[in-house]
Amino acid sequence: MEITEMLEELIIKAKKDETLKEKLLNTRNSANPVSDFCDIATANGFPMTVMDIVNQGEEFYAEIKRSTNGGGENSPDLDYQNDEYSIFMMRLKDL
């Protein structure tokens, strides 16, 4: 299972499990939020590392940049759009 699929499945599981949802949301207050997030995800059957999260965000951002005006200097600057953890947290908070 790829990281995007695992994150989607984790959101579905957290939607059904309020305790899991709160644990994940509480990582925002941690000294190492992404690492703690990955530990919780792994403990719940979705093995992932910090690099998995970082790489997913970077790959998505790169795809967007390449698809816009040839991906050159005129491509839009998408601040924070490559932060998969923050995007996940926004989605989770809105459940």
Protein backbone atom coordinates (compact mmCIF):
# COMPACT_ATOMS: atom_id res chain seq x y z
CA MET A 1 0.00 0.00 0.00
CA GLU A 2 1.38 3.42 -0.93
CA ILE A 3 1.60 6.31 1.52
CA THR A 4 -1.36 8.15 -0.02
CA GLU A 5 -3.54 5.08 0.41
CA MET A 6 -2.36 4.60 4.00
CA LEU A 7 -3.12 8.22 4.87
CA GLU A 8 -6.58 7.90 3.35
CA GLU A 9 -7.25 4.69 5.27
CA LEU A 10 -5.94 6.30 8.46
CA ILE A 11 -8.37 9.20 8.04
CA ILE A 12 -11.24 6.74 7.61
CA LYS A 13 -10.17 4.82 10.71
CA ALA A 14 -9.78 8.02 12.76
CA LYS A 15 -13.25 9.14 11.68
CA LYS A 16 -14.65 6.01 13.33
CA ASP A 17 -12.31 6.06 16.36
CA GLU A 18 -12.43 9.26 18.40
CA THR A 19 -9.50 8.18 20.60
CA LEU A 20 -7.27 7.66 17.56
CA LYS A 21 -8.41 10.98 16.12
CA GLU A 22 -7.48 12.81 19.33
CA LYS A 23 -4.08 11.07 19.55
CA LEU A 24 -3.29 12.12 16.00
CA LEU A 25 -4.48 15.69 16.53
CA ASN A 26 -2.47 15.95 19.74
CA THR A 27 0.74 15.35 17.80
CA ARG A 28 0.44 18.99 16.71
CA ASN A 29 1.58 19.95 20.22
CA SER A 30 4.52 17.54 20.28
CA ALA A 31 8.20 18.43 20.10
CA ASN A 32 8.43 15.97 17.18
CA PRO A 33 4.96 16.04 15.62
CA VAL A 34 5.61 14.13 12.39
CA SER A 35 7.65 11.45 14.13
CA ASP A 36 4.95 10.96 16.78
CA PHE A 37 2.29 10.93 14.06
CA CYS A 38 4.18 8.16 12.24
CA ASP A 39 4.53 6.16 15.48
CA ILE A 40 0.76 6.31 16.07
CA ALA A 41 -0.01 5.46 12.44
CA THR A 42 2.38 2.50 12.53
CA ALA A 43 0.90 1.24 15.81
CA ASN A 44 -2.52 1.32 14.14
CA GLY A 45 -1.52 -0.76 11.14
CA PHE A 46 -0.25 1.93 8.78
CA PRO A 47 3.55 1.67 8.83
CA MET A 48 5.17 4.92 7.75
CA THR A 49 8.23 7.00 8.48
CA VAL A 50 8.92 10.71 8.60
CA MET A 51 10.65 10.40 5.23
CA ASP A 52 7.52 8.80 3.76
CA ILE A 53 5.49 11.86 4.79
CA VAL A 54 8.10 14.37 3.62
CA ASN A 55 8.69 12.57 0.34
CA GLN A 56 4.97 12.33 -0.43
CA GLY A 57 4.54 16.07 0.00
CA GLU A 58 7.60 16.85 -2.10
CA GLU A 59 6.55 14.51 -4.91
CA PHE A 60 3.05 15.98 -5.04
CA TYR A 61 4.43 19.51 -5.08
CA ALA A 62 6.89 18.62 -7.85
CA GLU A 63 4.09 17.14 -9.96
CA ILE A 64 2.09 20.34 -9.63
CA LYS A 65 5.10 22.49 -10.49
CA ARG A 66 5.88 20.38 -13.58
CA SER A 67 2.30 20.57 -14.79
CA THR A 68 2.13 24.38 -14.64
CA ASN A 69 3.68 26.34 -17.49
CA GLY A 70 6.31 23.70 -18.05
CA GLY A 71 7.43 23.77 -14.43
CA GLY A 72 9.86 26.65 -14.91
CA GLU A 73 10.42 29.87 -13.05
CA ASN A 74 6.88 31.06 -13.81
CA SER A 75 5.28 28.18 -11.92
CA PRO A 76 3.16 29.22 -8.95
CA ASP A 77 4.70 29.23 -5.50
CA LEU A 78 2.49 26.93 -3.48
CA ASP A 79 3.55 27.66 0.08
CA TYR A 80 2.80 24.82 2.48
CA GLN A 81 1.24 22.68 -0.23
CA ASN A 82 4.07 20.21 0.14
CA ASP A 83 3.43 19.63 3.84
CA GLU A 84 1.50 16.36 3.83
CA TYR A 85 1.31 16.30 7.64
CA SER A 86 -0.36 19.72 7.84
CA ILE A 87 -2.78 18.84 5.07
CA PHE A 88 -3.69 15.62 6.89
CA MET A 89 -4.22 17.54 10.14
CA MET A 90 -6.51 20.06 8.43
CA ARG A 91 -8.59 17.23 6.99
CA LEU A 92 -8.68 15.37 10.32
CA LYS A 93 -9.69 18.45 12.31
CA ASP A 94 -12.67 18.98 9.99
CA LEU A 95 -14.08 15.47 10.54
